[in-house]
Amino acid sequence: MTEPDALEPRELHAWIGFLAAAHLLEHEIERQLKRDGDLSHPEFEVLVKLAMAEDRRLRMSDLARQVMVSKSRLTYQVTQLERDGLVRRTACGNDRRAVWAELTDAGADALTKVRPGHRKVVRENLIDVLTPAELETLGTAFARVAARLHNRPARPAASD
């Protein structure tokens, strides 16, 4: 007897394909970033977000939202990047509770070093494998999934 919420074969095919592709692509990106710049993928994402920000800096809370990690996880990543001289933290003058994360020149140099390899991995293992129509469909579909997850209300805490 089939469970009422069981995935149909085409749904299961899509889900398994997504999982395999996402895990394998993540692994290739991690290898390239470690090899070319001794960075993790999450650290790379922090550097990219800071490079794109006005004055190459963001409040830590805004940065956490943009890289979609918890504040504690971001604090760990920024601490590692700060230790390596790629990011610096400074107090936010008008809000004593806020802290800026700012990309240093060394951080910008690290991005310059790893970006060509990163783009190559993404292009060879995703972009070049798909047709333009598939890319459009994939982009639209995953944007819709992300929007749904992003707008999902927080779950109430489980009661004991």
C-alpha atoms as a PDB file:
ATOM      1  CA  MET A   1       0.000   0.000   0.000  1.00  0.00           C
ATOM      2  CA  THR A   2       1.368   3.394  -0.985  1.00  0.00           C
ATOM      3  CA  GLU A   3       1.611   6.098   1.663  1.00  0.00           C
ATOM      4  CA  PRO A   4      -0.602   9.089   0.829  1.00  0.00           C
ATOM      5  CA  ASP A   5       2.324  11.538   0.894  1.00  0.00           C
ATOM      6  CA  ALA A   6       4.793   9.285  -0.960  1.00  0.00           C
ATOM      7  CA  LEU A   7       6.581  10.888  -3.886  1.00  0.00           C
ATOM      8  CA  GLU A   8       5.523   9.784  -7.340  1.00  0.00           C
ATOM      9  CA  PRO A   9       8.280   8.374  -9.581  1.00  0.00           C
ATOM     10  CA  ARG A  10       8.851  11.669 -11.460  1.00  0.00           C
ATOM     11  CA  GLU A  11       8.886  13.587  -8.150  1.00  0.00           C
ATOM     12  CA  LEU A  12      11.345  11.129  -6.637  1.00  0.00           C
ATOM     13  CA  HIS A  13      13.497  11.323  -9.773  1.00  0.00           C
ATOM     14  CA  ALA A  14      13.622  15.142  -9.482  1.00  0.00           C
ATOM     15  CA  TRP A  15      14.382  15.017  -5.757  1.00  0.00           C
ATOM     16  CA  ILE A  16      17.164  12.424  -6.039  1.00  0.00           C
ATOM     17  CA  GLY A  17      18.649  14.257  -9.024  1.00  0.00           C
ATOM     18  CA  PHE A  18      18.614  17.549  -7.129  1.00  0.00           C
ATOM     19  CA  LEU A  19      20.268  16.004  -4.056  1.00  0.00           C
ATOM     20  CA  ALA A  20      22.992  14.283  -6.058  1.00  0.00           C
ATOM     21  CA  ALA A  21      23.757  17.353  -8.169  1.00  0.00           C
ATOM     22  CA  ALA A  22      23.738  19.719  -5.186  1.00  0.00           C
ATOM     23  CA  HIS A  23      26.040  17.514  -3.081  1.00  0.00           C
ATOM     24  CA  LEU A  24      28.465  16.798  -5.912  1.00  0.00           C
ATOM     25  CA  LEU A  25      28.624  20.428  -7.047  1.00  0.00           C
ATOM     26  CA  GLU A  26      29.140  21.594  -3.460  1.00  0.00           C
ATOM     27  CA  HIS A  27      31.995  19.092  -3.114  1.00  0.00           C
ATOM     28  CA  GLU A  28      33.672  20.365  -6.304  1.00  0.00           C
ATOM     29  CA  ILE A  29      33.299  23.983  -5.205  1.00  0.00           C
ATOM     30  CA  GLU A  30      34.760  23.194  -1.767  1.00  0.00           C
ATOM     31  CA  ARG A  31      37.748  21.421  -3.353  1.00  0.00           C
ATOM     32  CA  GLN A  32      38.442  24.316  -5.716  1.00  0.00           C
ATOM     33  CA  LEU A  33      38.156  26.988  -3.021  1.00  0.00           C
ATOM     34  CA  LYS A  34      40.426  25.051  -0.635  1.00  0.00           C
ATOM     35  CA  ARG A  35      42.960  24.396  -3.390  1.00  0.00           C
ATOM     36  CA  ASP A  36      43.038  27.930  -4.797  1.00  0.00           C
ATOM     37  CA  GLY A  37      42.607  29.992  -1.639  1.00  0.00           C
ATOM     38  CA  ASP A  38      42.276  27.829   1.475  1.00  0.00           C
ATOM     39  CA  LEU A  39      38.673  29.022   1.850  1.00  0.00           C
ATOM     40  CA  SER A  40      35.509  27.129   2.685  1.00  0.00           C
ATOM     41  CA  HIS A  41      32.424  27.738   0.580  1.00  0.00           C
ATOM     42  CA  PRO A  42      30.667  29.595   3.438  1.00  0.00           C
ATOM     43  CA  GLU A  43      33.749  31.809   3.911  1.00  0.00           C
ATOM     44  CA  PHE A  44      33.767  32.522   0.182  1.00  0.00           C
ATOM     45  CA  GLU A  45      30.112  33.541   0.339  1.00  0.00           C
ATOM     46  CA  VAL A  46      30.849  35.969   3.191  1.00  0.00           C
ATOM     47  CA  LEU A  47      33.659  37.555   1.192  1.00  0.00           C
ATOM     48  CA  VAL A  48      31.467  37.844  -1.923  1.00  0.00           C
ATOM     49  CA  LYS A  49      28.624  39.511   0.010  1.00  0.00           C
ATOM     50  CA  LEU A  50      31.044  41.987   1.571  1.00  0.00           C
ATOM     51  CA  ALA A  51      32.658  42.726  -1.808  1.00  0.00           C
ATOM     52  CA  MET A  52      29.226  43.512  -3.254  1.00  0.00           C
ATOM     53  CA  ALA A  53      28.188  45.759  -0.349  1.00  0.00           C
ATOM     54  CA  GLU A  54      28.514  49.527  -0.248  1.00  0.00           C
ATOM     55  CA  ASP A  55      31.921  50.426   1.205  1.00  0.00           C
ATOM     56  CA  ARG A  56      32.658  46.662   1.299  1.00  0.00           C
ATOM     57  CA  ARG A  57      30.974  46.319   4.684  1.00  0.00           C
ATOM     58  CA  LEU A  58      27.733  45.098   6.240  1.00  0.00           C
ATOM     59  CA  ARG A  59      26.320  44.897   9.726  1.00  0.00           C
ATOM     60  CA  MET A  60      26.814  41.392  11.038  1.00  0.00           C
ATOM     61  CA  SER A  61      23.039  40.872  11.367  1.00  0.00           C
ATOM     62  CA  ASP A  62      22.482  41.908   7.733  1.00  0.00           C
ATOM     63  CA  LEU A  63      25.365  39.726   6.588  1.00  0.00           C
ATOM     64  CA  ALA A  64      23.898  36.727   8.449  1.00  0.00           C
ATOM     65  CA  ARG A  65      20.592  37.222   6.615  1.00  0.00           C
ATOM     66  CA  GLN A  66      22.313  37.539   3.254  1.00  0.00           C
ATOM     67  CA  VAL A  67      24.424  34.390   3.620  1.00  0.00           C
ATOM     68  CA  MET A  68      21.482  32.615   5.284  1.00  0.00           C
ATOM     69  CA  VAL A  69      23.258  31.363   8.378  1.00  0.00           C
ATOM     70  CA  SER A  70      22.669  31.810  12.079  1.00  0.00           C
ATOM     71  CA  LYS A  71      24.393  34.699  13.815  1.00  0.00           C
ATOM     72  CA  SER A  72      26.527  32.270  15.812  1.00  0.00           C
ATOM     73  CA  ARG A  73      27.645  30.434  12.657  1.00  0.00           C
ATOM     74  CA  LEU A  74      28.450  33.737  10.978  1.00  0.00           C
ATOM     75  CA  THR A  75      30.439  34.862  14.031  1.00  0.00           C
ATOM     76  CA  TYR A  76      32.548  31.711  13.721  1.00  0.00           C
ATOM     77  CA  GLN A  77      33.142  32.254   9.987  1.00  0.00           C
ATOM     78  CA  VAL A  78      34.000  35.935  10.412  1.00  0.00           C
ATOM     79  CA  THR A  79      36.353  35.072  13.287  1.00  0.00           C
ATOM     80  CA  GLN A  80      38.224  32.683  10.977  1.00  0.00           C
ATOM     81  CA  LEU A  81      38.339  35.256   8.178  1.00  0.00           C
ATOM     82  CA  GLU A  82      39.453  37.966  10.606  1.00  0.00           C
ATOM     83  CA  ARG A  83      42.224  35.695  11.923  1.00  0.00           C
ATOM     84  CA  ASP A  84      43.462  35.373   8.335  1.00  0.00           C
ATOM     85  CA  GLY A  85      43.277  39.133   7.773  1.00  0.00           C
ATOM     86  CA  LEU A  86      40.511  38.888   5.150  1.00  0.00           C
ATOM     87  CA  VAL A  87      37.795  40.630   7.181  1.00  0.00           C
ATOM     88  CA  ARG A  88      37.836  43.109  10.037  1.00  0.00           C
ATOM     89  CA  ARG A  89      35.119  43.879  12.555  1.00  0.00           C
ATOM     90  CA  THR A  90      34.494  47.404  13.730  1.00  0.00           C
ATOM     91  CA  ALA A  91      31.957  49.052  15.983  1.00  0.00           C
ATOM     92  CA  CYS A  92      29.026  50.755  14.352  1.00  0.00           C
ATOM     93  CA  GLY A  93      29.288  54.374  15.496  1.00  0.00           C
ATOM     94  CA  ASN A  94      25.575  55.154  15.688  1.00  0.00           C
ATOM     95  CA  ASP A  95      24.492  51.826  17.220  1.00  0.00           C
ATOM     96  CA  ARG A  96      26.653  50.437  20.011  1.00  0.00           C
ATOM     97  CA  ARG A  97      25.028  47.011  19.730  1.00  0.00           C
ATOM     98  CA  ALA A  98      25.845  46.646  16.022  1.00  0.00           C
ATOM     99  CA  VAL A  99      29.136  45.493  14.543  1.00  0.00           C
ATOM    100  CA  TRP A 100      30.354  45.960  10.991  1.00  0.00           C
ATOM    101  CA  ALA A 101      32.100  43.204   9.066  1.00  0.00           C
ATOM    102  CA  GLU A 102      34.356  44.799   6.473  1.00  0.00           C
ATOM    103  CA  LEU A 103      36.296  43.245   3.602  1.00  0.00           C
ATOM    104  CA  THR A 104      40.009  44.039   3.813  1.00  0.00           C
ATOM    105  CA  ASP A 105      42.293  44.507   0.832  1.00  0.00           C
ATOM    106  CA  ALA A 106      43.674  41.031   1.563  1.00  0.00           C
ATOM    107  CA  GLY A 107      40.108  39.687   1.459  1.00  0.00           C
ATOM    108  CA  ALA A 108      39.508  41.351  -1.903  1.00  0.00           C
ATOM    109  CA  ASP A 109      42.782  39.837  -3.153  1.00  0.00           C
ATOM    110  CA  ALA A 110      41.703  36.392  -1.921  1.00  0.00           C
ATOM    111  CA  LEU A 111      38.459  36.724  -3.889  1.00  0.00           C
ATOM    112  CA  THR A 112      40.357  37.781  -6.999  1.00  0.00           C
ATOM    113  CA  LYS A 113      42.504  34.666  -6.617  1.00  0.00           C
ATOM    114  CA  VAL A 114      39.667  32.131  -6.233  1.00  0.00           C
ATOM    115  CA  ARG A 115      36.934  33.585  -8.440  1.00  0.00           C
ATOM    116  CA  PRO A 116      38.253  32.346 -11.820  1.00  0.00           C
ATOM    117  CA  GLY A 117      38.400  28.754 -10.554  1.00  0.00           C
ATOM    118  CA  HIS A 118      35.015  29.081  -8.870  1.00  0.00           C
ATOM    119  CA  ARG A 119      33.418  30.335 -12.073  1.00  0.00           C
ATOM    120  CA  LYS A 120      35.079  27.525 -14.021  1.00  0.00           C
ATOM    121  CA  VAL A 121      33.691  24.849 -11.674  1.00  0.00           C
ATOM    122  CA  VAL A 122      30.176  26.333 -11.816  1.00  0.00           C
ATOM    123  CA  ARG A 123      30.303  26.761 -15.583  1.00  0.00           C
ATOM    124  CA  GLU A 124      31.720  23.284 -16.371  1.00  0.00           C
ATOM    125  CA  ASN A 125      29.514  21.395 -13.926  1.00  0.00           C
ATOM    126  CA  LEU A 126      26.230  23.288 -14.169  1.00  0.00           C
ATOM    127  CA  ILE A 127      25.927  26.063 -16.733  1.00  0.00           C
ATOM    128  CA  ASP A 128      27.476  24.237 -19.701  1.00  0.00           C
ATOM    129  CA  VAL A 129      25.555  21.032 -18.954  1.00  0.00           C
ATOM    130  CA  LEU A 130      22.159  22.704 -19.361  1.00  0.00           C
ATOM    131  CA  THR A 131      20.424  24.307 -22.314  1.00  0.00           C
ATOM    132  CA  PRO A 132      19.454  27.988 -22.128  1.00  0.00           C
ATOM    133  CA  ALA A 133      15.817  26.954 -21.650  1.00  0.00           C
ATOM    134  CA  GLU A 134      16.753  24.586 -18.812  1.00  0.00           C
ATOM    135  CA  LEU A 135      18.785  27.337 -17.140  1.00  0.00           C
ATOM    136  CA  GLU A 136      15.811  29.694 -17.347  1.00  0.00           C
ATOM    137  CA  THR A 137      13.454  27.056 -15.933  1.00  0.00           C
ATOM    138  CA  LEU A 138      15.885  26.087 -13.180  1.00  0.00           C
ATOM    139  CA  GLY A 139      16.489  29.706 -12.199  1.00  0.00           C
ATOM    140  CA  THR A 140      12.773  30.463 -12.067  1.00  0.00           C
ATOM    141  CA  ALA A 141      11.930  27.265 -10.192  1.00  0.00           C
ATOM    142  CA  PHE A 142      14.627  27.593  -7.544  1.00  0.00           C
ATOM    143  CA  ALA A 143      13.849  31.284  -7.031  1.00  0.00           C
ATOM    144  CA  ARG A 144      10.262  30.273  -6.296  1.00  0.00           C
ATOM    145  CA  VAL A 145      11.402  27.544  -3.868  1.00  0.00           C
ATOM    146  CA  ALA A 146      13.755  29.979  -2.111  1.00  0.00           C
ATOM    147  CA  ALA A 147      11.019  32.603  -1.853  1.00  0.00           C
ATOM    148  CA  ARG A 148       8.679  30.061  -0.293  1.00  0.00           C
ATOM    149  CA  LEU A 149      11.271  28.951   2.248  1.00  0.00           C
ATOM    150  CA  HIS A 150      12.371  32.516   2.963  1.00  0.00           C
ATOM    151  CA  ASN A 151       8.827  33.692   3.638  1.00  0.00           C
ATOM    152  CA  ARG A 152       7.876  30.697   5.718  1.00  0.00           C
ATOM    153  CA  PRO A 153       6.757  31.747   9.187  1.00  0.00           C
ATOM    154  CA  ALA A 154       8.934  30.535  12.029  1.00  0.00           C
ATOM    155  CA  ARG A 155       7.795  27.285  13.582  1.00  0.00           C
ATOM    156  CA  PRO A 156       6.594  27.566  17.158  1.00  0.00           C
ATOM    157  CA  ALA A 157       8.972  26.098  19.712  1.00  0.00           C
ATOM    158  CA  ALA A 158       8.230  22.478  20.561  1.00  0.00           C
ATOM    159  CA  SER A 159       6.668  22.079  23.962  1.00  0.00           C
ATOM    160  CA  ASP A 160       8.183  19.671  26.459  1.00  0.00           C
END
